[in-house]
Amino acid sequence: ISANNVTLRIGKKALFEDVNIKFTE
């Protein structure tokens, strides 16, 4: 499972910004 360029904004605050990470078997 991987996150590709994940950004999460809550209001004006970015909790995550352009996160790229891969989790492998």
mmCIF file of all heavy atoms, coordinates in Angstrom:
data_MODEL
# 
_entry.id   MODEL 
# 
loop_
_atom_site.group_PDB 
_atom_site.id 
_atom_site.type_symbol 
_atom_site.label_atom_id 
_atom_site.label_alt_id 
_atom_site.label_comp_id 
_atom_site.label_asym_id 
_atom_site.label_entity_id 
_atom_site.label_seq_id 
_atom_site.pdbx_PDB_ins_code 
_atom_site.Cartn_x 
_atom_site.Cartn_y 
_atom_site.Cartn_z 
_atom_site.occupancy 
_atom_site.B_iso_or_equiv 
_atom_site.pdbx_formal_charge 
_atom_site.auth_seq_id 
_atom_site.auth_comp_id 
_atom_site.auth_asym_id 
_atom_site.auth_atom_id 
_atom_site.pdbx_PDB_model_num 
ATOM 1   N N   . ILE A 1 1  ? 0.869  -1.181 0.000  1.00 0.00 ? 1  ILE A N   1 
ATOM 2   C CA  . ILE A 1 1  ? 0.000  0.000  0.000  1.00 0.00 ? 1  ILE A CA  1 
ATOM 3   C C   . ILE A 1 1  ? 0.903  1.227  0.000  1.00 0.00 ? 1  ILE A C   1 
ATOM 4   O O   . ILE A 1 1  ? 1.924  1.260  0.700  1.00 0.00 ? 1  ILE A O   1 
ATOM 5   C CB  . ILE A 1 1  ? -0.968 -0.003 1.215  1.00 0.00 ? 1  ILE A CB  1 
ATOM 6   C CG1 . ILE A 1 1  ? -1.901 1.214  1.196  1.00 0.00 ? 1  ILE A CG1 1 
ATOM 7   C CG2 . ILE A 1 1  ? -0.205 -0.093 2.538  1.00 0.00 ? 1  ILE A CG2 1 
ATOM 8   C CD1 . ILE A 1 1  ? -3.033 1.127  2.213  1.00 0.00 ? 1  ILE A CD1 1 
ATOM 9   N N   . SER A 1 2  ? 0.553  2.217  -0.821 1.00 0.00 ? 2  SER A N   1 
ATOM 10  C CA  . SER A 1 2  ? 1.399  3.410  -0.899 1.00 0.00 ? 2  SER A CA  1 
ATOM 11  C C   . SER A 1 2  ? 0.552  4.676  -0.928 1.00 0.00 ? 2  SER A C   1 
ATOM 12  O O   . SER A 1 2  ? -0.593 4.677  -1.388 1.00 0.00 ? 2  SER A O   1 
ATOM 13  C CB  . SER A 1 2  ? 2.296  3.353  -2.139 1.00 0.00 ? 2  SER A CB  1 
ATOM 14  O OG  . SER A 1 2  ? 1.513  3.350  -3.321 1.00 0.00 ? 2  SER A OG  1 
ATOM 15  N N   . ALA A 1 3  ? 1.145  5.750  -0.412 1.00 0.00 ? 3  ALA A N   1 
ATOM 16  C CA  . ALA A 1 3  ? 0.545  7.083  -0.488 1.00 0.00 ? 3  ALA A CA  1 
ATOM 17  C C   . ALA A 1 3  ? 1.341  7.877  -1.522 1.00 0.00 ? 3  ALA A C   1 
ATOM 18  O O   . ALA A 1 3  ? 2.569  7.949  -1.451 1.00 0.00 ? 3  ALA A O   1 
ATOM 19  C CB  . ALA A 1 3  ? 0.618  7.768  0.873  1.00 0.00 ? 3  ALA A CB  1 
ATOM 20  N N   . ASN A 1 4  ? 0.633  8.426  -2.491 1.00 0.00 ? 4  ASN A N   1 
ATOM 21  C CA  . ASN A 1 4  ? 1.278  9.150  -3.583 1.00 0.00 ? 4  ASN A CA  1 
ATOM 22  C C   . ASN A 1 4  ? 0.869  10.627 -3.568 1.00 0.00 ? 4  ASN A C   1 
ATOM 23  O O   . ASN A 1 4  ? -0.283 10.954 -3.825 1.00 0.00 ? 4  ASN A O   1 
ATOM 24  C CB  . ASN A 1 4  ? 0.909  8.525  -4.930 1.00 0.00 ? 4  ASN A CB  1 
ATOM 25  C CG  . ASN A 1 4  ? 1.317  7.063  -5.012 1.00 0.00 ? 4  ASN A CG  1 
ATOM 26  O OD1 . ASN A 1 4  ? 2.310  6.662  -4.412 1.00 0.00 ? 4  ASN A OD1 1 
ATOM 27  N ND2 . ASN A 1 4  ? 0.542  6.262  -5.732 1.00 0.00 ? 4  ASN A ND2 1 
ATOM 28  N N   . ASN A 1 5  ? 1.824  11.498 -3.220 1.00 0.00 ? 5  ASN A N   1 
ATOM 29  C CA  . ASN A 1 5  ? 1.590  12.948 -3.182 1.00 0.00 ? 5  ASN A CA  1 
ATOM 30  C C   . ASN A 1 5  ? 0.374  13.332 -2.345 1.00 0.00 ? 5  ASN A C   1 
ATOM 31  O O   . ASN A 1 5  ? -0.427 14.189 -2.734 1.00 0.00 ? 5  ASN A O   1 
ATOM 32  C CB  . ASN A 1 5  ? 1.432  13.507 -4.605 1.00 0.00 ? 5  ASN A CB  1 
ATOM 33  C CG  . ASN A 1 5  ? 2.665  13.270 -5.446 1.00 0.00 ? 5  ASN A CG  1 
ATOM 34  O OD1 . ASN A 1 5  ? 3.782  13.500 -4.985 1.00 0.00 ? 5  ASN A OD1 1 
ATOM 35  N ND2 . ASN A 1 5  ? 2.477  12.787 -6.661 1.00 0.00 ? 5  ASN A ND2 1 
ATOM 36  N N   . VAL A 1 6  ? 0.241  12.675 -1.192 1.00 0.00 ? 6  VAL A N   1 
ATOM 37  C CA  . VAL A 1 6  ? -0.949 12.891 -0.368 1.00 0.00 ? 6  VAL A CA  1 
ATOM 38  C C   . VAL A 1 6  ? -0.854 14.191 0.433  1.00 0.00 ? 6  VAL A C   1 
ATOM 39  O O   . VAL A 1 6  ? 0.117  14.430 1.151  1.00 0.00 ? 6  VAL A O   1 
ATOM 40  C CB  . VAL A 1 6  ? -1.176 11.690 0.578  1.00 0.00 ? 6  VAL A CB  1 
ATOM 41  C CG1 . VAL A 1 6  ? -2.136 12.062 1.702  1.00 0.00 ? 6  VAL A CG1 1 
ATOM 42  C CG2 . VAL A 1 6  ? -1.723 10.509 -0.212 1.00 0.00 ? 6  VAL A CG2 1 
ATOM 43  N N   . THR A 1 7  ? -1.876 15.008 0.255  1.00 0.00 ? 7  THR A N   1 
ATOM 44  C CA  . THR A 1 7  ? -2.026 16.234 1.032  1.00 0.00 ? 7  THR A CA  1 
ATOM 45  C C   . THR A 1 7  ? -3.392 16.209 1.699  1.00 0.00 ? 7  THR A C   1 
ATOM 46  O O   . THR A 1 7  ? -4.384 15.814 1.070  1.00 0.00 ? 7  THR A O   1 
ATOM 47  C CB  . THR A 1 7  ? -1.909 17.481 0.135  1.00 0.00 ? 7  THR A CB  1 
ATOM 48  O OG1 . THR A 1 7  ? -0.582 17.545 -0.400 1.00 0.00 ? 7  THR A OG1 1 
ATOM 49  C CG2 . THR A 1 7  ? -2.191 18.762 0.901  1.00 0.00 ? 7  THR A CG2 1 
ATOM 50  N N   . LEU A 1 8  ? -3.438 16.602 2.977  1.00 0.00 ? 8  LEU A N   1 
ATOM 51  C CA  . LEU A 1 8  ? -4.721 16.735 3.677  1.00 0.00 ? 8  LEU A CA  1 
ATOM 52  C C   . LEU A 1 8  ? -4.731 18.077 4.377  1.00 0.00 ? 8  LEU A C   1 
ATOM 53  O O   . LEU A 1 8  ? -3.880 18.352 5.230  1.00 0.00 ? 8  LEU A O   1 
ATOM 54  C CB  . LEU A 1 8  ? -4.920 15.609 4.697  1.00 0.00 ? 8  LEU A CB  1 
ATOM 55  C CG  . LEU A 1 8  ? -6.223 15.725 5.502  1.00 0.00 ? 8  LEU A CG  1 
ATOM 56  C CD1 . LEU A 1 8  ? -7.443 15.477 4.602  1.00 0.00 ? 8  LEU A CD1 1 
ATOM 57  C CD2 . LEU A 1 8  ? -6.236 14.795 6.694  1.00 0.00 ? 8  LEU A CD2 1 
ATOM 58  N N   . ARG A 1 9  ? -5.685 18.916 3.999  1.00 0.00 ? 9  ARG A N   1 
ATOM 59  C CA  . ARG A 1 9  ? -5.839 20.223 4.645  1.00 0.00 ? 9  ARG A CA  1 
ATOM 60  C C   . ARG A 1 9  ? -7.116 20.226 5.471  1.00 0.00 ? 9  ARG A C   1 
ATOM 61  O O   . ARG A 1 9  ? -8.162 19.768 5.020  1.00 0.00 ? 9  ARG A O   1 
ATOM 62  C CB  . ARG A 1 9  ? -5.901 21.338 3.595  1.00 0.00 ? 9  ARG A CB  1 
ATOM 63  C CG  . ARG A 1 9  ? -4.564 21.606 2.936  1.00 0.00 ? 9  ARG A CG  1 
ATOM 64  C CD  . ARG A 1 9  ? -4.529 22.924 2.174  1.00 0.00 ? 9  ARG A CD  1 
ATOM 65  N NE  . ARG A 1 9  ? -3.208 23.145 1.599  1.00 0.00 ? 9  ARG A NE  1 
ATOM 66  C CZ  . ARG A 1 9  ? -2.851 22.678 0.395  1.00 0.00 ? 9  ARG A CZ  1 
ATOM 67  N NH1 . ARG A 1 9  ? -3.718 21.999 -0.336 1.00 0.00 ? 9  ARG A NH1 1 
ATOM 68  N NH2 . ARG A 1 9  ? -1.628 22.899 -0.063 1.00 0.00 ? 9  ARG A NH2 1 
ATOM 69  N N   . ILE A 1 10 ? -6.989 20.731 6.691  1.00 0.00 ? 10 ILE A N   1 
ATOM 70  C CA  . ILE A 1 10 ? -8.155 20.910 7.547  1.00 0.00 ? 10 ILE A CA  1 
ATOM 71  C C   . ILE A 1 10 ? -8.255 22.414 7.792  1.00 0.00 ? 10 ILE A C   1 
ATOM 72  O O   . ILE A 1 10 ? -7.452 22.985 8.521  1.00 0.00 ? 10 ILE A O   1 
ATOM 73  C CB  . ILE A 1 10 ? -8.006 20.129 8.870  1.00 0.00 ? 10 ILE A CB  1 
ATOM 74  C CG1 . ILE A 1 10 ? -7.910 18.620 8.559  1.00 0.00 ? 10 ILE A CG1 1 
ATOM 75  C CG2 . ILE A 1 10 ? -9.185 20.396 9.786  1.00 0.00 ? 10 ILE A CG2 1 
ATOM 76  C CD1 . ILE A 1 10 ? -7.565 17.761 9.739  1.00 0.00 ? 10 ILE A CD1 1 
ATOM 77  N N   . GLY A 1 11 ? -9.214 23.031 7.100  1.00 0.00 ? 11 GLY A N   1 
ATOM 78  C CA  . GLY A 1 11 ? -9.254 24.487 7.093  1.00 0.00 ? 11 GLY A CA  1 
ATOM 79  C C   . GLY A 1 11 ? -8.040 24.995 6.328  1.00 0.00 ? 11 GLY A C   1 
ATOM 80  O O   . GLY A 1 11 ? -7.737 24.526 5.237  1.00 0.00 ? 11 GLY A O   1 
ATOM 81  N N   . LYS A 1 12 ? -7.277 25.908 6.924  1.00 0.00 ? 12 LYS A N   1 
ATOM 82  C CA  . LYS A 1 12 ? -6.076 26.431 6.266  1.00 0.00 ? 12 LYS A CA  1 
ATOM 83  C C   . LYS A 1 12 ? -4.833 25.620 6.609  1.00 0.00 ? 12 LYS A C   1 
ATOM 84  O O   . LYS A 1 12 ? -3.785 25.779 5.984  1.00 0.00 ? 12 LYS A O   1 
ATOM 85  C CB  . LYS A 1 12 ? -5.861 27.901 6.660  1.00 0.00 ? 12 LYS A CB  1 
ATOM 86  C CG  . LYS A 1 12 ? -6.921 28.841 6.078  1.00 0.00 ? 12 LYS A CG  1 
ATOM 87  C CD  . LYS A 1 12 ? -6.616 30.291 6.431  1.00 0.00 ? 12 LYS A CD  1 
ATOM 88  C CE  . LYS A 1 12 ? -7.661 31.222 5.799  1.00 0.00 ? 12 LYS A CE  1 
ATOM 89  N NZ  . LYS A 1 12 ? -7.398 32.642 6.149  1.00 0.00 ? 12 LYS A NZ  1 
ATOM 90  N N   . LYS A 1 13 ? -4.969 24.765 7.633  1.00 0.00 ? 13 LYS A N   1 
ATOM 91  C CA  . LYS A 1 13 ? -3.803 24.005 8.094  1.00 0.00 ? 13 LYS A CA  1 
ATOM 92  C C   . LYS A 1 13 ? -3.611 22.732 7.259  1.00 0.00 ? 13 LYS A C   1 
ATOM 93  O O   . LYS A 1 13 ? -4.556 21.994 7.030  1.00 0.00 ? 13 LYS A O   1 
ATOM 94  C CB  . LYS A 1 13 ? -3.969 23.630 9.560  1.00 0.00 ? 13 LYS A CB  1 
ATOM 95  C CG  . LYS A 1 13 ? -2.754 22.921 10.136 1.00 0.00 ? 13 LYS A CG  1 
ATOM 96  C CD  . LYS A 1 13 ? -3.050 22.376 11.533 1.00 0.00 ? 13 LYS A CD  1 
ATOM 97  C CE  . LYS A 1 13 ? -1.866 21.576 12.041 1.00 0.00 ? 13 LYS A CE  1 
ATOM 98  N NZ  . LYS A 1 13 ? -2.183 20.860 13.291 1.00 0.00 ? 13 LYS A NZ  1 
ATOM 99  N N   . ALA A 1 14 ? -2.382 22.500 6.805  1.00 0.00 ? 14 ALA A N   1 
ATOM 100 C CA  . ALA A 1 14 ? -2.067 21.256 6.094  1.00 0.00 ? 14 ALA A CA  1 
ATOM 101 C C   . ALA A 1 14 ? -1.551 20.245 7.114  1.00 0.00 ? 14 ALA A C   1 
ATOM 102 O O   . ALA A 1 14 ? -0.464 20.424 7.683  1.00 0.00 ? 14 ALA A O   1 
ATOM 103 C CB  . ALA A 1 14 ? -1.022 21.508 5.020  1.00 0.00 ? 14 ALA A CB  1 
ATOM 104 N N   . LEU A 1 15 ? -2.349 19.219 7.369  1.00 0.00 ? 15 LEU A N   1 
ATOM 105 C CA  . LEU A 1 15 ? -1.909 18.176 8.306  1.00 0.00 ? 15 LEU A CA  1 
ATOM 106 C C   . LEU A 1 15 ? -0.843 17.307 7.637  1.00 0.00 ? 15 LEU A C   1 
ATOM 107 O O   . LEU A 1 15 ? 0.127  16.899 8.271  1.00 0.00 ? 15 LEU A O   1 
ATOM 108 C CB  . LEU A 1 15 ? -3.109 17.322 8.739  1.00 0.00 ? 15 LEU A CB  1 
ATOM 109 C CG  . LEU A 1 15 ? -2.892 16.427 9.960  1.00 0.00 ? 15 LEU A CG  1 
ATOM 110 C CD1 . LEU A 1 15 ? -2.454 17.241 11.175 1.00 0.00 ? 15 LEU A CD1 1 
ATOM 111 C CD2 . LEU A 1 15 ? -4.171 15.660 10.292 1.00 0.00 ? 15 LEU A CD2 1 
ATOM 112 N N   . PHE A 1 16 ? -1.037 17.044 6.333  1.00 0.00 ? 16 PHE A N   1 
ATOM 113 C CA  . PHE A 1 16 ? -0.034 16.334 5.526  1.00 0.00 ? 16 PHE A CA  1 
ATOM 114 C C   . PHE A 1 16 ? 0.182  17.104 4.227  1.00 0.00 ? 16 PHE A C   1 
ATOM 115 O O   . PHE A 1 16 ? -0.771 17.622 3.651  1.00 0.00 ? 16 PHE A O   1 
ATOM 116 C CB  . PHE A 1 16 ? -0.498 14.910 5.211  1.00 0.00 ? 16 PHE A CB  1 
ATOM 117 C CG  . PHE A 1 16 ? -0.672 14.051 6.429  1.00 0.00 ? 16 PHE A CG  1 
ATOM 118 C CD1 . PHE A 1 16 ? -1.932 13.740 6.897  1.00 0.00 ? 16 PHE A CD1 1 
ATOM 119 C CD2 . PHE A 1 16 ? 0.425  13.571 7.131  1.00 0.00 ? 16 PHE A CD2 1 
ATOM 120 C CE1 . PHE A 1 16 ? -2.106 12.980 8.029  1.00 0.00 ? 16 PHE A CE1 1 
ATOM 121 C CE2 . PHE A 1 16 ? 0.269  12.797 8.263  1.00 0.00 ? 16 PHE A CE2 1 
ATOM 122 C CZ  . PHE A 1 16 ? -0.998 12.504 8.718  1.00 0.00 ? 16 PHE A CZ  1 
ATOM 123 N N   . GLU A 1 17 ? 1.425  17.150 3.767  1.00 0.00 ? 17 GLU A N   1 
ATOM 124 C CA  . GLU A 1 17 ? 1.760  17.911 2.562  1.00 0.00 ? 17 GLU A CA  1 
ATOM 125 C C   . GLU A 1 17 ? 2.653  17.068 1.648  1.00 0.00 ? 17 GLU A C   1 
ATOM 126 O O   . GLU A 1 17 ? 3.789  16.743 1.986  1.00 0.00 ? 17 GLU A O   1 
ATOM 127 C CB  . GLU A 1 17 ? 2.500  19.192 2.961  1.00 0.00 ? 17 GLU A CB  1 
ATOM 128 C CG  . GLU A 1 17 ? 2.691  20.170 1.815  1.00 0.00 ? 17 GLU A CG  1 
ATOM 129 C CD  . GLU A 1 17 ? 1.474  21.057 1.582  1.00 0.00 ? 17 GLU A CD  1 
ATOM 130 O OE1 . GLU A 1 17 ? 1.077  21.791 2.487  1.00 0.00 ? 17 GLU A OE1 1 
ATOM 131 O OE2 . GLU A 1 17 ? 0.934  20.993 0.458  1.00 0.00 ? 17 GLU A OE2 1 
ATOM 132 N N   . ASP A 1 18 ? 2.083  16.660 0.492  1.00 0.00 ? 18 ASP A N   1 
ATOM 133 C CA  . ASP A 1 18 ? 2.847  15.906 -0.529 1.00 0.00 ? 18 ASP A CA  1 
ATOM 134 C C   . ASP A 1 18 ? 3.603  14.709 0.066  1.00 0.00 ? 18 ASP A C   1 
ATOM 135 O O   . ASP A 1 18 ? 4.810  14.566 -0.114 1.00 0.00 ? 18 ASP A O   1 
ATOM 136 C CB  . ASP A 1 18 ? 3.834  16.822 -1.251 1.00 0.00 ? 18 ASP A CB  1 
ATOM 137 C CG  . ASP A 1 18 ? 3.127  17.843 -2.126 1.00 0.00 ? 18 ASP A CG  1 
ATOM 138 O OD1 . ASP A 1 18 ? 2.049  17.512 -2.645 1.00 0.00 ? 18 ASP A OD1 1 
ATOM 139 O OD2 . ASP A 1 18 ? 3.635  18.973 -2.263 1.00 0.00 ? 18 ASP A OD2 1 
ATOM 140 N N   . VAL A 1 19 ? 2.875  13.871 0.777  1.00 0.00 ? 19 VAL A N   1 
ATOM 141 C CA  . VAL A 1 19 ? 3.484  12.688 1.398  1.00 0.00 ? 19 VAL A CA  1 
ATOM 142 C C   . VAL A 1 19 ? 3.594  11.560 0.375  1.00 0.00 ? 19 VAL A C   1 
ATOM 143 O O   . VAL A 1 19 ? 2.619  11.205 -0.289 1.00 0.00 ? 19 VAL A O   1 
ATOM 144 C CB  . VAL A 1 19 ? 2.656  12.216 2.615  1.00 0.00 ? 19 VAL A CB  1 
ATOM 145 C CG1 . VAL A 1 19 ? 3.128  10.844 3.087  1.00 0.00 ? 19 VAL A CG1 1 
ATOM 146 C CG2 . VAL A 1 19 ? 2.755  13.239 3.739  1.00 0.00 ? 19 VAL A CG2 1 
ATOM 147 N N   . ASN A 1 20 ? 4.790  11.010 0.249  1.00 0.00 ? 20 ASN A N   1 
ATOM 148 C CA  . ASN A 1 20 ? 5.019  9.837  -0.601 1.00 0.00 ? 20 ASN A CA  1 
ATOM 149 C C   . ASN A 1 20 ? 5.676  8.761  0.252  1.00 0.00 ? 20 ASN A C   1 
ATOM 150 O O   . ASN A 1 20 ? 6.773  8.960  0.779  1.00 0.00 ? 20 ASN A O   1 
ATOM 151 C CB  . ASN A 1 20 ? 5.945  10.184 -1.775 1.00 0.00 ? 20 ASN A CB  1 
ATOM 152 C CG  . ASN A 1 20 ? 5.243  11.054 -2.793 1.00 0.00 ? 20 ASN A CG  1 
ATOM 153 O OD1 . ASN A 1 20 ? 4.460  10.583 -3.611 1.00 0.00 ? 20 ASN A OD1 1 
ATOM 154 N ND2 . ASN A 1 20 ? 5.522  12.354 -2.740 1.00 0.00 ? 20 ASN A ND2 1 
ATOM 155 N N   . ILE A 1 21 ? 4.986  7.635  0.404  1.00 0.00 ? 21 ILE A N   1 
ATOM 156 C CA  . ILE A 1 21 ? 5.541  6.558  1.216  1.00 0.00 ? 21 ILE A CA  1 
ATOM 157 C C   . ILE A 1 21 ? 4.958  5.223  0.762  1.00 0.00 ? 21 ILE A C   1 
ATOM 158 O O   . ILE A 1 21 ? 3.804  5.165  0.321  1.00 0.00 ? 21 ILE A O   1 
ATOM 159 C CB  . ILE A 1 21 ? 5.260  6.803  2.728  1.00 0.00 ? 21 ILE A CB  1 
ATOM 160 C CG1 . ILE A 1 21 ? 6.049  5.832  3.607  1.00 0.00 ? 21 ILE A CG1 1 
ATOM 161 C CG2 . ILE A 1 21 ? 3.777  6.764  3.032  1.00 0.00 ? 21 ILE A CG2 1 
ATOM 162 C CD1 . ILE A 1 21 ? 6.067  6.223  5.080  1.00 0.00 ? 21 ILE A CD1 1 
ATOM 163 N N   . LYS A 1 22 ? 5.765  4.191  0.846  1.00 0.00 ? 22 LYS A N   1 
ATOM 164 C CA  . LYS A 1 22 ? 5.337  2.860  0.400  1.00 0.00 ? 22 LYS A CA  1 
ATOM 165 C C   . LYS A 1 22 ? 5.532  1.870  1.548  1.00 0.00 ? 22 LYS A C   1 
ATOM 166 O O   . LYS A 1 22 ? 6.586  1.848  2.188  1.00 0.00 ? 22 LYS A O   1 
ATOM 167 C CB  . LYS A 1 22 ? 6.173  2.434  -0.810 1.00 0.00 ? 22 LYS A CB  1 
ATOM 168 C CG  . LYS A 1 22 ? 5.736  1.135  -1.460 1.00 0.00 ? 22 LYS A CG  1 
ATOM 169 C CD  . LYS A 1 22 ? 6.671  0.744  -2.600 1.00 0.00 ? 22 LYS A CD  1 
ATOM 170 C CE  . LYS A 1 22 ? 6.549  1.699  -3.780 1.00 0.00 ? 22 LYS A CE  1 
ATOM 171 N NZ  . LYS A 1 22 ? 7.406  1.293  -4.920 1.00 0.00 ? 22 LYS A NZ  1 
ATOM 172 N N   . PHE A 1 23 ? 4.498  1.053  1.806  1.00 0.00 ? 23 PHE A N   1 
ATOM 173 C CA  . PHE A 1 23 ? 4.553  0.021  2.838  1.00 0.00 ? 23 PHE A CA  1 
ATOM 174 C C   . PHE A 1 23 ? 4.476  -1.343 2.156  1.00 0.00 ? 23 PHE A C   1 
ATOM 175 O O   . PHE A 1 23 ? 3.511  -1.615 1.433  1.00 0.00 ? 23 PHE A O   1 
ATOM 176 C CB  . PHE A 1 23 ? 3.383  0.177  3.811  1.00 0.00 ? 23 PHE A CB  1 
ATOM 177 C CG  . PHE A 1 23 ? 3.309  1.540  4.469  1.00 0.00 ? 23 PHE A CG  1 
ATOM 178 C CD1 . PHE A 1 23 ? 2.436  2.511  3.969  1.00 0.00 ? 23 PHE A CD1 1 
ATOM 179 C CD2 . PHE A 1 23 ? 4.088  1.850  5.561  1.00 0.00 ? 23 PHE A CD2 1 
ATOM 180 C CE1 . PHE A 1 23 ? 2.357  3.763  4.572  1.00 0.00 ? 23 PHE A CE1 1 
ATOM 181 C CE2 . PHE A 1 23 ? 4.013  3.106  6.170  1.00 0.00 ? 23 PHE A CE2 1 
ATOM 182 C CZ  . PHE A 1 23 ? 3.152  4.067  5.668  1.00 0.00 ? 23 PHE A CZ  1 
ATOM 183 N N   . THR A 1 24 ? 5.479  -2.184 2.378  1.00 0.00 ? 24 THR A N   1 
ATOM 184 C CA  . THR A 1 24 ? 5.577  -3.435 1.611  1.00 0.00 ? 24 THR A CA  1 
ATOM 185 C C   . THR A 1 24 ? 5.415  -4.683 2.479  1.00 0.00 ? 24 THR A C   1 
ATOM 186 O O   . THR A 1 24 ? 5.495  -4.629 3.711  1.00 0.00 ? 24 THR A O   1 
ATOM 187 C CB  . THR A 1 24 ? 6.931  -3.493 0.884  1.00 0.00 ? 24 THR A CB  1 
ATOM 188 O OG1 . THR A 1 24 ? 7.984  -3.365 1.847  1.00 0.00 ? 24 THR A OG1 1 
ATOM 189 C CG2 . THR A 1 24 ? 7.062  -2.378 -0.143 1.00 0.00 ? 24 THR A CG2 1 
ATOM 190 N N   . GLU A 1 25 ? 5.206  -5.811 1.785  1.00 0.00 ? 25 GLU A N   1 
ATOM 191 C CA  . GLU A 1 25 ? 4.953  -7.088 2.438  1.00 0.00 ? 25 GLU A CA  1 
ATOM 192 C C   . GLU A 1 25 ? 6.116  -7.512 3.334  1.00 0.00 ? 25 GLU A C   1 
ATOM 193 O O   . GLU A 1 25 ? 7.280  -7.244 3.040  1.00 0.00 ? 25 GLU A O   1 
ATOM 194 C CB  . GLU A 1 25 ? 4.719  -8.198 1.396  1.00 0.00 ? 25 GLU A CB  1 
ATOM 195 C CG  . GLU A 1 25 ? 3.364  -8.155 0.693  1.00 0.00 ? 25 GLU A CG  1 
ATOM 196 C CD  . GLU A 1 25 ? 3.342  -7.193 -0.487 1.00 0.00 ? 25 GLU A CD  1 
ATOM 197 O OE1 . GLU A 1 25 ? 4.355  -6.495 -0.708 1.00 0.00 ? 25 GLU A OE1 1 
ATOM 198 O OE2 . GLU A 1 25 ? 2.306  -7.116 -1.177 1.00 0.00 ? 25 GLU A OE2 1 
# 
